[in-house]
């Protein structure tokens, strides 16, 4: 496991603390989850870009997606 340090201004930390309290979690857990969520979002974005490149711009309608997933 890795331990890292982050430095924030008092104002930045206050904002982070308020959000953590709103979510009813400790500040460290809030920061960890926020960072991991961002990493997942970035990975999803890069995967979507790669899929778009591989599709050569071909799109699939919402109805077709539902049909392929047997949702209709």
PDB file of N, CA and C in Angstrom:
ATOM      1  N   UNK A   1       0.846  -1.168   0.000  1.00  0.00           N
ATOM      2  CA  UNK A   1       0.000   0.000   0.000  1.00  0.00           C
ATOM      3  C   UNK A   1       0.896   1.238   0.000  1.00  0.00           C
ATOM      4  N   UNK A   2       0.433   2.308  -0.609  1.00  0.00           N
ATOM      5  CA  UNK A   2       1.214   3.532  -0.733  1.00  0.00           C
ATOM      6  C   UNK A   2       0.552   4.635   0.075  1.00  0.00           C
ATOM      7  N   UNK A   3       1.366   5.433   0.728  1.00  0.00           N
ATOM      8  CA  UNK A   3       0.891   6.599   1.465  1.00  0.00           C
ATOM      9  C   UNK A   3       1.385   7.835   0.736  1.00  0.00           C
ATOM     10  N   UNK A   4       0.508   8.800   0.530  1.00  0.00           N
ATOM     11  CA  UNK A   4       0.909  10.022  -0.158  1.00  0.00           C
ATOM     12  C   UNK A   4       0.429  11.228   0.632  1.00  0.00           C
ATOM     13  N   UNK A   5       1.063  12.360   0.413  1.00  0.00           N
ATOM     14  CA  UNK A   5       0.682  13.596   1.097  1.00  0.00           C
ATOM     15  C   UNK A   5       0.175  14.603   0.086  1.00  0.00           C
ATOM     16  N   UNK A   6      -0.829  15.340   0.481  1.00  0.00           N
ATOM     17  CA  UNK A   6      -1.386  16.404  -0.351  1.00  0.00           C
ATOM     18  C   UNK A   6      -1.397  17.686   0.463  1.00  0.00           C
ATOM     19  N   UNK A   7      -1.169  18.801  -0.204  1.00  0.00           N
ATOM     20  CA  UNK A   7      -1.185  20.090   0.462  1.00  0.00           C
ATOM     21  C   UNK A   7      -2.296  20.936  -0.131  1.00  0.00           C
ATOM     22  N   UNK A   8      -3.106  21.523   0.736  1.00  0.00           N
ATOM     23  CA  UNK A   8      -4.215  22.370   0.320  1.00  0.00           C
ATOM     24  C   UNK A   8      -4.148  23.687   1.067  1.00  0.00           C
ATOM     25  N   UNK A   9      -4.676  24.724   0.437  1.00  0.00           N
ATOM     26  CA  UNK A   9      -4.850  25.967   1.176  1.00  0.00           C
ATOM     27  C   UNK A   9      -5.946  25.726   2.206  1.00  0.00           C
ATOM     28  N   UNK A  10      -6.023  26.598   3.188  1.00  0.00           N
ATOM     29  CA  UNK A  10      -7.078  26.465   4.199  1.00  0.00           C
ATOM     30  C   UNK A  10      -8.456  26.484   3.552  1.00  0.00           C
ATOM     31  N   UNK A  11      -8.641  27.349   2.570  1.00  0.00           N
ATOM     32  CA  UNK A  11      -9.930  27.463   1.894  1.00  0.00           C
ATOM     33  C   UNK A  11     -10.253  26.183   1.118  1.00  0.00           C
ATOM     34  N   UNK A  12      -9.275  25.633   0.417  1.00  0.00           N
ATOM     35  CA  UNK A  12      -9.501  24.389  -0.321  1.00  0.00           C
ATOM     36  C   UNK A  12      -9.889  23.262   0.627  1.00  0.00           C
ATOM     37  N   UNK A  13      -9.176  23.160   1.745  1.00  0.00           N
ATOM     38  CA  UNK A  13      -9.472  22.099   2.703  1.00  0.00           C
ATOM     39  C   UNK A  13     -10.855  22.287   3.314  1.00  0.00           C
ATOM     40  N   UNK A  14     -11.226  23.522   3.596  1.00  0.00           N
ATOM     41  CA  UNK A  14     -12.545  23.801   4.155  1.00  0.00           C
ATOM     42  C   UNK A  14     -13.632  23.313   3.206  1.00  0.00           C
ATOM     43  N   UNK A  15     -13.460  23.596   1.918  1.00  0.00           N
ATOM     44  CA  UNK A  15     -14.446  23.152   0.929  1.00  0.00           C
ATOM     45  C   UNK A  15     -14.514  21.628   0.861  1.00  0.00           C
ATOM     46  N   UNK A  16     -13.366  20.992   0.871  1.00  0.00           N
ATOM     47  CA  UNK A  16     -13.320  19.527   0.833  1.00  0.00           C
ATOM     48  C   UNK A  16     -13.992  18.953   2.074  1.00  0.00           C
ATOM     49  N   UNK A  17     -13.679  19.537   3.222  1.00  0.00           N
ATOM     50  CA  UNK A  17     -14.260  19.062   4.476  1.00  0.00           C
ATOM     51  C   UNK A  17     -15.776  19.211   4.474  1.00  0.00           C
ATOM     52  N   UNK A  18     -16.271  20.318   3.970  1.00  0.00           N
ATOM     53  CA  UNK A  18     -17.722  20.528   3.899  1.00  0.00           C
ATOM     54  C   UNK A  18     -18.387  19.471   3.016  1.00  0.00           C
ATOM     55  N   UNK A  19     -17.775  19.172   1.887  1.00  0.00           N
ATOM     56  CA  UNK A  19     -18.335  18.148   1.005  1.00  0.00           C
ATOM     57  C   UNK A  19     -18.299  16.767   1.660  1.00  0.00           C
ATOM     58  N   UNK A  20     -17.217  16.467   2.349  1.00  0.00           N
ATOM     59  CA  UNK A  20     -17.116  15.180   3.042  1.00  0.00           C
ATOM     60  C   UNK A  20     -18.190  15.069   4.117  1.00  0.00           C
ATOM     61  N   UNK A  21     -18.385  16.140   4.867  1.00  0.00           N
ATOM     62  CA  UNK A  21     -19.423  16.132   5.898  1.00  0.00           C
ATOM     63  C   UNK A  21     -20.800  15.969   5.272  1.00  0.00           C
ATOM     64  N   UNK A  22     -21.031  16.613   4.148  1.00  0.00           N
ATOM     65  CA  UNK A  22     -22.307  16.481   3.450  1.00  0.00           C
ATOM     66  C   UNK A  22     -22.553  15.028   3.044  1.00  0.00           C
ATOM     67  N   UNK A  23     -21.474  14.342   2.642  1.00  0.00           N
ATOM     68  CA  UNK A  23     -21.568  12.936   2.238  1.00  0.00           C
ATOM     69  C   UNK A  23     -21.492  11.985   3.432  1.00  0.00           C
ATOM     70  N   UNK A  24     -21.299  12.533   4.620  1.00  0.00           N
ATOM     71  CA  UNK A  24     -21.200  11.747   5.869  1.00  0.00           C
ATOM     72  C   UNK A  24     -20.042  10.752   5.846  1.00  0.00           C
ATOM     73  N   UNK A  25     -18.894  11.222   5.350  1.00  0.00           N
ATOM     74  CA  UNK A  25     -17.689  10.391   5.342  1.00  0.00           C
ATOM     75  C   UNK A  25     -16.519  11.218   5.866  1.00  0.00           C
ATOM     76  N   UNK A  26     -15.457  10.519   6.263  1.00  0.00           N
ATOM     77  CA  UNK A  26     -14.240  11.209   6.676  1.00  0.00           C
ATOM     78  C   UNK A  26     -13.613  11.905   5.474  1.00  0.00           C
ATOM     79  N   UNK A  27     -12.867  12.960   5.755  1.00  0.00           N
ATOM     80  CA  UNK A  27     -12.225  13.728   4.688  1.00  0.00           C
ATOM     81  C   UNK A  27     -11.315  12.831   3.848  1.00  0.00           C
ATOM     82  N   UNK A  28     -10.530  11.997   4.491  1.00  0.00           N
ATOM     83  CA  UNK A  28      -9.609  11.142   3.736  1.00  0.00           C
ATOM     84  C   UNK A  28     -10.360  10.169   2.833  1.00  0.00           C
ATOM     85  N   UNK A  29     -11.462   9.614   3.325  1.00  0.00           N
ATOM     86  CA  UNK A  29     -12.253   8.700   2.497  1.00  0.00           C
ATOM     87  C   UNK A  29     -12.874   9.451   1.329  1.00  0.00           C
ATOM     88  N   UNK A  30     -13.336  10.675   1.581  1.00  0.00           N
ATOM     89  CA  UNK A  30     -13.913  11.496   0.515  1.00  0.00           C
ATOM     90  C   UNK A  30     -12.873  11.769  -0.569  1.00  0.00           C
ATOM     91  N   UNK A  31     -11.658  12.157  -0.156  1.00  0.00           N
ATOM     92  CA  UNK A  31     -10.597  12.432  -1.127  1.00  0.00           C
ATOM     93  C   UNK A  31     -10.245  11.180  -1.923  1.00  0.00           C
ATOM     94  N   UNK A  32     -10.094  10.067  -1.237  1.00  0.00           N
ATOM     95  CA  UNK A  32      -9.736   8.815  -1.910  1.00  0.00           C
ATOM     96  C   UNK A  32     -10.799   8.441  -2.935  1.00  0.00           C
ATOM     97  N   UNK A  33     -12.064   8.476  -2.528  1.00  0.00           N
ATOM     98  CA  UNK A  33     -13.135   8.083  -3.435  1.00  0.00           C
ATOM     99  C   UNK A  33     -13.255   9.050  -4.608  1.00  0.00           C
ATOM    100  N   UNK A  34     -13.057  10.335  -4.347  1.00  0.00           N
ATOM    101  CA  UNK A  34     -13.119  11.334  -5.413  1.00  0.00           C
ATOM    102  C   UNK A  34     -12.031  11.086  -6.455  1.00  0.00           C
ATOM    103  N   UNK A  35     -10.840  10.790  -5.994  1.00  0.00           N
ATOM    104  CA  UNK A  35      -9.733  10.516  -6.917  1.00  0.00           C
ATOM    105  C   UNK A  35      -9.995   9.238  -7.706  1.00  0.00           C
ATOM    106  N   UNK A  36     -10.439   8.190  -7.025  1.00  0.00           N
ATOM    107  CA  UNK A  36     -10.712   6.929  -7.721  1.00  0.00           C
ATOM    108  C   UNK A  36     -11.853   7.077  -8.721  1.00  0.00           C
ATOM    109  N   UNK A  37     -12.865   7.871  -8.376  1.00  0.00           N
ATOM    110  CA  UNK A  37     -13.957   8.140  -9.323  1.00  0.00           C
ATOM    111  C   UNK A  37     -13.428   8.847 -10.560  1.00  0.00           C
ATOM    112  N   UNK A  38     -12.534   9.805 -10.357  1.00  0.00           N
ATOM    113  CA  UNK A  38     -11.964  10.547 -11.478  1.00  0.00           C
ATOM    114  C   UNK A  38     -11.145   9.629 -12.378  1.00  0.00           C
ATOM    115  N   UNK A  39     -10.365   8.753 -11.769  1.00  0.00           N
ATOM    116  CA  UNK A  39      -9.574   7.796 -12.546  1.00  0.00           C
ATOM    117  C   UNK A  39     -10.498   6.909 -13.375  1.00  0.00           C
ATOM    118  N   UNK A  40     -11.578   6.420 -12.771  1.00  0.00           N
ATOM    119  CA  UNK A  40     -12.528   5.580 -13.503  1.00  0.00           C
ATOM    120  C   UNK A  40     -13.164   6.350 -14.651  1.00  0.00           C
ATOM    121  N   UNK A  41     -13.538   7.601 -14.408  1.00  0.00           N
ATOM    122  CA  UNK A  41     -14.121   8.428 -15.470  1.00  0.00           C
ATOM    123  C   UNK A  41     -13.145   8.629 -16.620  1.00  0.00           C
ATOM    124  N   UNK A  42     -11.886   8.876 -16.304  1.00  0.00           N
ATOM    125  CA  UNK A  42     -10.873   9.047 -17.346  1.00  0.00           C
ATOM    126  C   UNK A  42     -10.707   7.757 -18.145  1.00  0.00           C
ATOM    127  N   UNK A  43     -10.657   6.630 -17.445  1.00  0.00           N
ATOM    128  CA  UNK A  43     -10.537   5.345 -18.142  1.00  0.00           C
ATOM    129  C   UNK A  43     -11.736   5.102 -19.045  1.00  0.00           C
ATOM    130  N   UNK A  44     -12.931   5.404 -18.557  1.00  0.00           N
ATOM    131  CA  UNK A  44     -14.139   5.248 -19.371  1.00  0.00           C
ATOM    132  C   UNK A  44     -14.078   6.135 -20.608  1.00  0.00           C
ATOM    133  N   UNK A  45     -13.605   7.367 -20.430  1.00  0.00           N
ATOM    134  CA  UNK A  45     -13.502   8.302 -21.550  1.00  0.00           C
ATOM    135  C   UNK A  45     -12.537   7.770 -22.612  1.00  0.00           C
ATOM    136  N   UNK A  46     -11.349   7.344 -22.181  1.00  0.00           N
ATOM    137  CA  UNK A  46     -10.361   6.846 -23.140  1.00  0.00           C
ATOM    138  C   UNK A  46     -10.864   5.590 -23.847  1.00  0.00           C
ATOM    139  N   UNK A  47     -11.591   4.743 -23.123  1.00  0.00           N
ATOM    140  CA  UNK A  47     -12.160   3.550 -23.743  1.00  0.00           C
ATOM    141  C   UNK A  47     -13.214   3.938 -24.778  1.00  0.00           C
ATOM    142  N   UNK A  48     -14.030   4.935 -24.466  1.00  0.00           N
ATOM    143  CA  UNK A  48     -15.052   5.393 -25.415  1.00  0.00           C
ATOM    144  C   UNK A  48     -14.407   5.985 -26.662  1.00  0.00           C
ATOM    145  N   UNK A  49     -13.349   6.766 -26.480  1.00  0.00           N
ATOM    146  CA  UNK A  49     -12.644   7.344 -27.625  1.00  0.00           C
ATOM    147  C   UNK A  49     -12.067   6.232 -28.492  1.00  0.00           C
ATOM    148  N   UNK A  50     -11.480   5.227 -27.858  1.00  0.00           N
ATOM    149  CA  UNK A  50     -10.914   4.102 -28.608  1.00  0.00           C
ATOM    150  C   UNK A  50     -12.007   3.361 -29.371  1.00  0.00           C
ATOM    151  N   UNK A  51     -13.143   3.125 -28.722  1.00  0.00           N
ATOM    152  CA  UNK A  51     -14.255   2.445 -29.394  1.00  0.00           C
ATOM    153  C   UNK A  51     -14.765   3.261 -30.576  1.00  0.00           C
ATOM    154  N   UNK A  52     -14.821   4.569 -30.416  1.00  0.00           N
ATOM    155  CA  UNK A  52     -15.273   5.438 -31.496  1.00  0.00           C
ATOM    156  C   UNK A  52     -14.311   5.364 -32.680  1.00  0.00           C
ATOM    157  N   UNK A  53     -13.012   5.368 -32.391  1.00  0.00           N
ATOM    158  CA  UNK A  53     -12.021   5.249 -33.465  1.00  0.00           C
ATOM    159  C   UNK A  53     -12.171   3.922 -34.193  1.00  0.00           C
ATOM    160  N   UNK A  54     -12.371   2.860 -33.432  1.00  0.00           N
ATOM    161  CA  UNK A  54     -12.483   1.533 -34.034  1.00  0.00           C
ATOM    162  C   UNK A  54     -13.773   1.367 -34.830  1.00  0.00           C
ATOM    163  N   UNK A  55     -14.795   2.150 -34.501  1.00  0.00           N
ATOM    164  CA  UNK A  55     -16.075   2.028 -35.211  1.00  0.00           C
ATOM    165  C   UNK A  55     -16.081   2.829 -36.505  1.00  0.00           C
ATOM    166  N   UNK A  56     -15.042   3.645 -36.710  1.00  0.00           N
ATOM    167  CA  UNK A  56     -14.942   4.499 -37.897  1.00  0.00           C
ATOM    168  C   UNK A  56     -16.177   5.392 -38.037  1.00  0.00           C
ATOM    169  N   UNK A  57     -16.704   5.840 -36.906  1.00  0.00           N
ATOM    170  CA  UNK A  57     -17.838   6.762 -36.916  1.00  0.00           C
ATOM    171  C   UNK A  57     -19.198   6.105 -37.025  1.00  0.00           C
ATOM    172  N   UNK A  58     -19.239   4.785 -37.167  1.00  0.00           N
ATOM    173  CA  UNK A  58     -20.523   4.085 -37.259  1.00  0.00           C
ATOM    174  C   UNK A  58     -21.246   4.192 -35.917  1.00  0.00           C
ATOM    175  N   UNK A  59     -22.521   4.501 -35.968  1.00  0.00           N
ATOM    176  CA  UNK A  59     -23.303   4.615 -34.744  1.00  0.00           C
ATOM    177  C   UNK A  59     -24.397   3.555 -34.716  1.00  0.00           C
ATOM    178  N   UNK A  60     -24.936   3.345 -33.532  1.00  0.00           N
ATOM    179  CA  UNK A  60     -26.025   2.395 -33.337  1.00  0.00           C
ATOM    180  C   UNK A  60     -27.135   3.138 -32.608  1.00  0.00           C
ATOM    181  N   UNK A  61     -28.355   2.998 -33.091  1.00  0.00           N
ATOM    182  CA  UNK A  61     -29.479   3.696 -32.466  1.00  0.00           C
ATOM    183  C   UNK A  61     -29.788   3.101 -31.094  1.00  0.00           C
ATOM    184  N   UNK A  62     -30.480   3.883 -30.296  1.00  0.00           N
ATOM    185  CA  UNK A  62     -30.898   3.426 -28.976  1.00  0.00           C
ATOM    186  C   UNK A  62     -31.768   2.174 -29.101  1.00  0.00           C
ATOM    187  N   UNK A  63     -32.655   2.178 -30.070  1.00  0.00           N
ATOM    188  CA  UNK A  63     -33.513   1.026 -30.300  1.00  0.00           C
ATOM    189  C   UNK A  63     -32.725  -0.227 -30.633  1.00  0.00           C
ATOM    190  N   UNK A  64     -31.679  -0.063 -31.438  1.00  0.00           N
ATOM    191  CA  UNK A  64     -30.835  -1.206 -31.803  1.00  0.00           C
ATOM    192  C   UNK A  64     -30.100  -1.741 -30.580  1.00  0.00           C
ATOM    193  N   UNK A  65     -29.620  -0.853 -29.736  1.00  0.00           N
ATOM    194  CA  UNK A  65     -28.941  -1.288 -28.511  1.00  0.00           C
ATOM    195  C   UNK A  65     -29.910  -2.091 -27.649  1.00  0.00           C
ATOM    196  N   UNK A  66     -31.129  -1.574 -27.472  1.00  0.00           N
ATOM    197  CA  UNK A  66     -32.134  -2.289 -26.677  1.00  0.00           C
ATOM    198  C   UNK A  66     -32.441  -3.659 -27.286  1.00  0.00           C
ATOM    199  N   UNK A  67     -32.536  -3.714 -28.608  1.00  0.00           N
ATOM    200  CA  UNK A  67     -32.815  -4.982 -29.283  1.00  0.00           C
ATOM    201  C   UNK A  67     -31.680  -5.976 -29.043  1.00  0.00           C
ATOM    202  N   UNK A  68     -30.449  -5.506 -29.174  1.00  0.00           N
ATOM    203  CA  UNK A  68     -29.296  -6.389 -28.982  1.00  0.00           C
ATOM    204  C   UNK A  68     -29.205  -6.911 -27.548  1.00  0.00           C
ATOM    205  N   UNK A  69     -29.690  -6.106 -26.612  1.00  0.00           N
ATOM    206  CA  UNK A  69     -29.653  -6.509 -25.203  1.00  0.00           C
ATOM    207  C   UNK A  69     -30.938  -7.203 -24.763  1.00  0.00           C
ATOM    208  N   UNK A  70     -31.812  -7.471 -25.723  1.00  0.00           N
ATOM    209  CA  UNK A  70     -33.111  -8.109 -25.449  1.00  0.00           C
ATOM    210  C   UNK A  70     -33.924  -7.335 -24.415  1.00  0.00           C
ATOM    211  N   UNK A  71     -33.918  -6.013 -24.546  1.00  0.00           N
ATOM    212  CA  UNK A  71     -34.687  -5.167 -23.636  1.00  0.00           C
ATOM    213  C   UNK A  71     -36.038  -4.780 -24.214  1.00  0.00           C
ATOM    214  N   UNK A  72     -36.267  -5.132 -25.478  1.00  0.00           N
ATOM    215  CA  UNK A  72     -37.574  -4.844 -26.091  1.00  0.00           C
ATOM    216  C   UNK A  72     -38.151  -6.106 -26.692  1.00  0.00           C
TER     217      UNK A  72
END
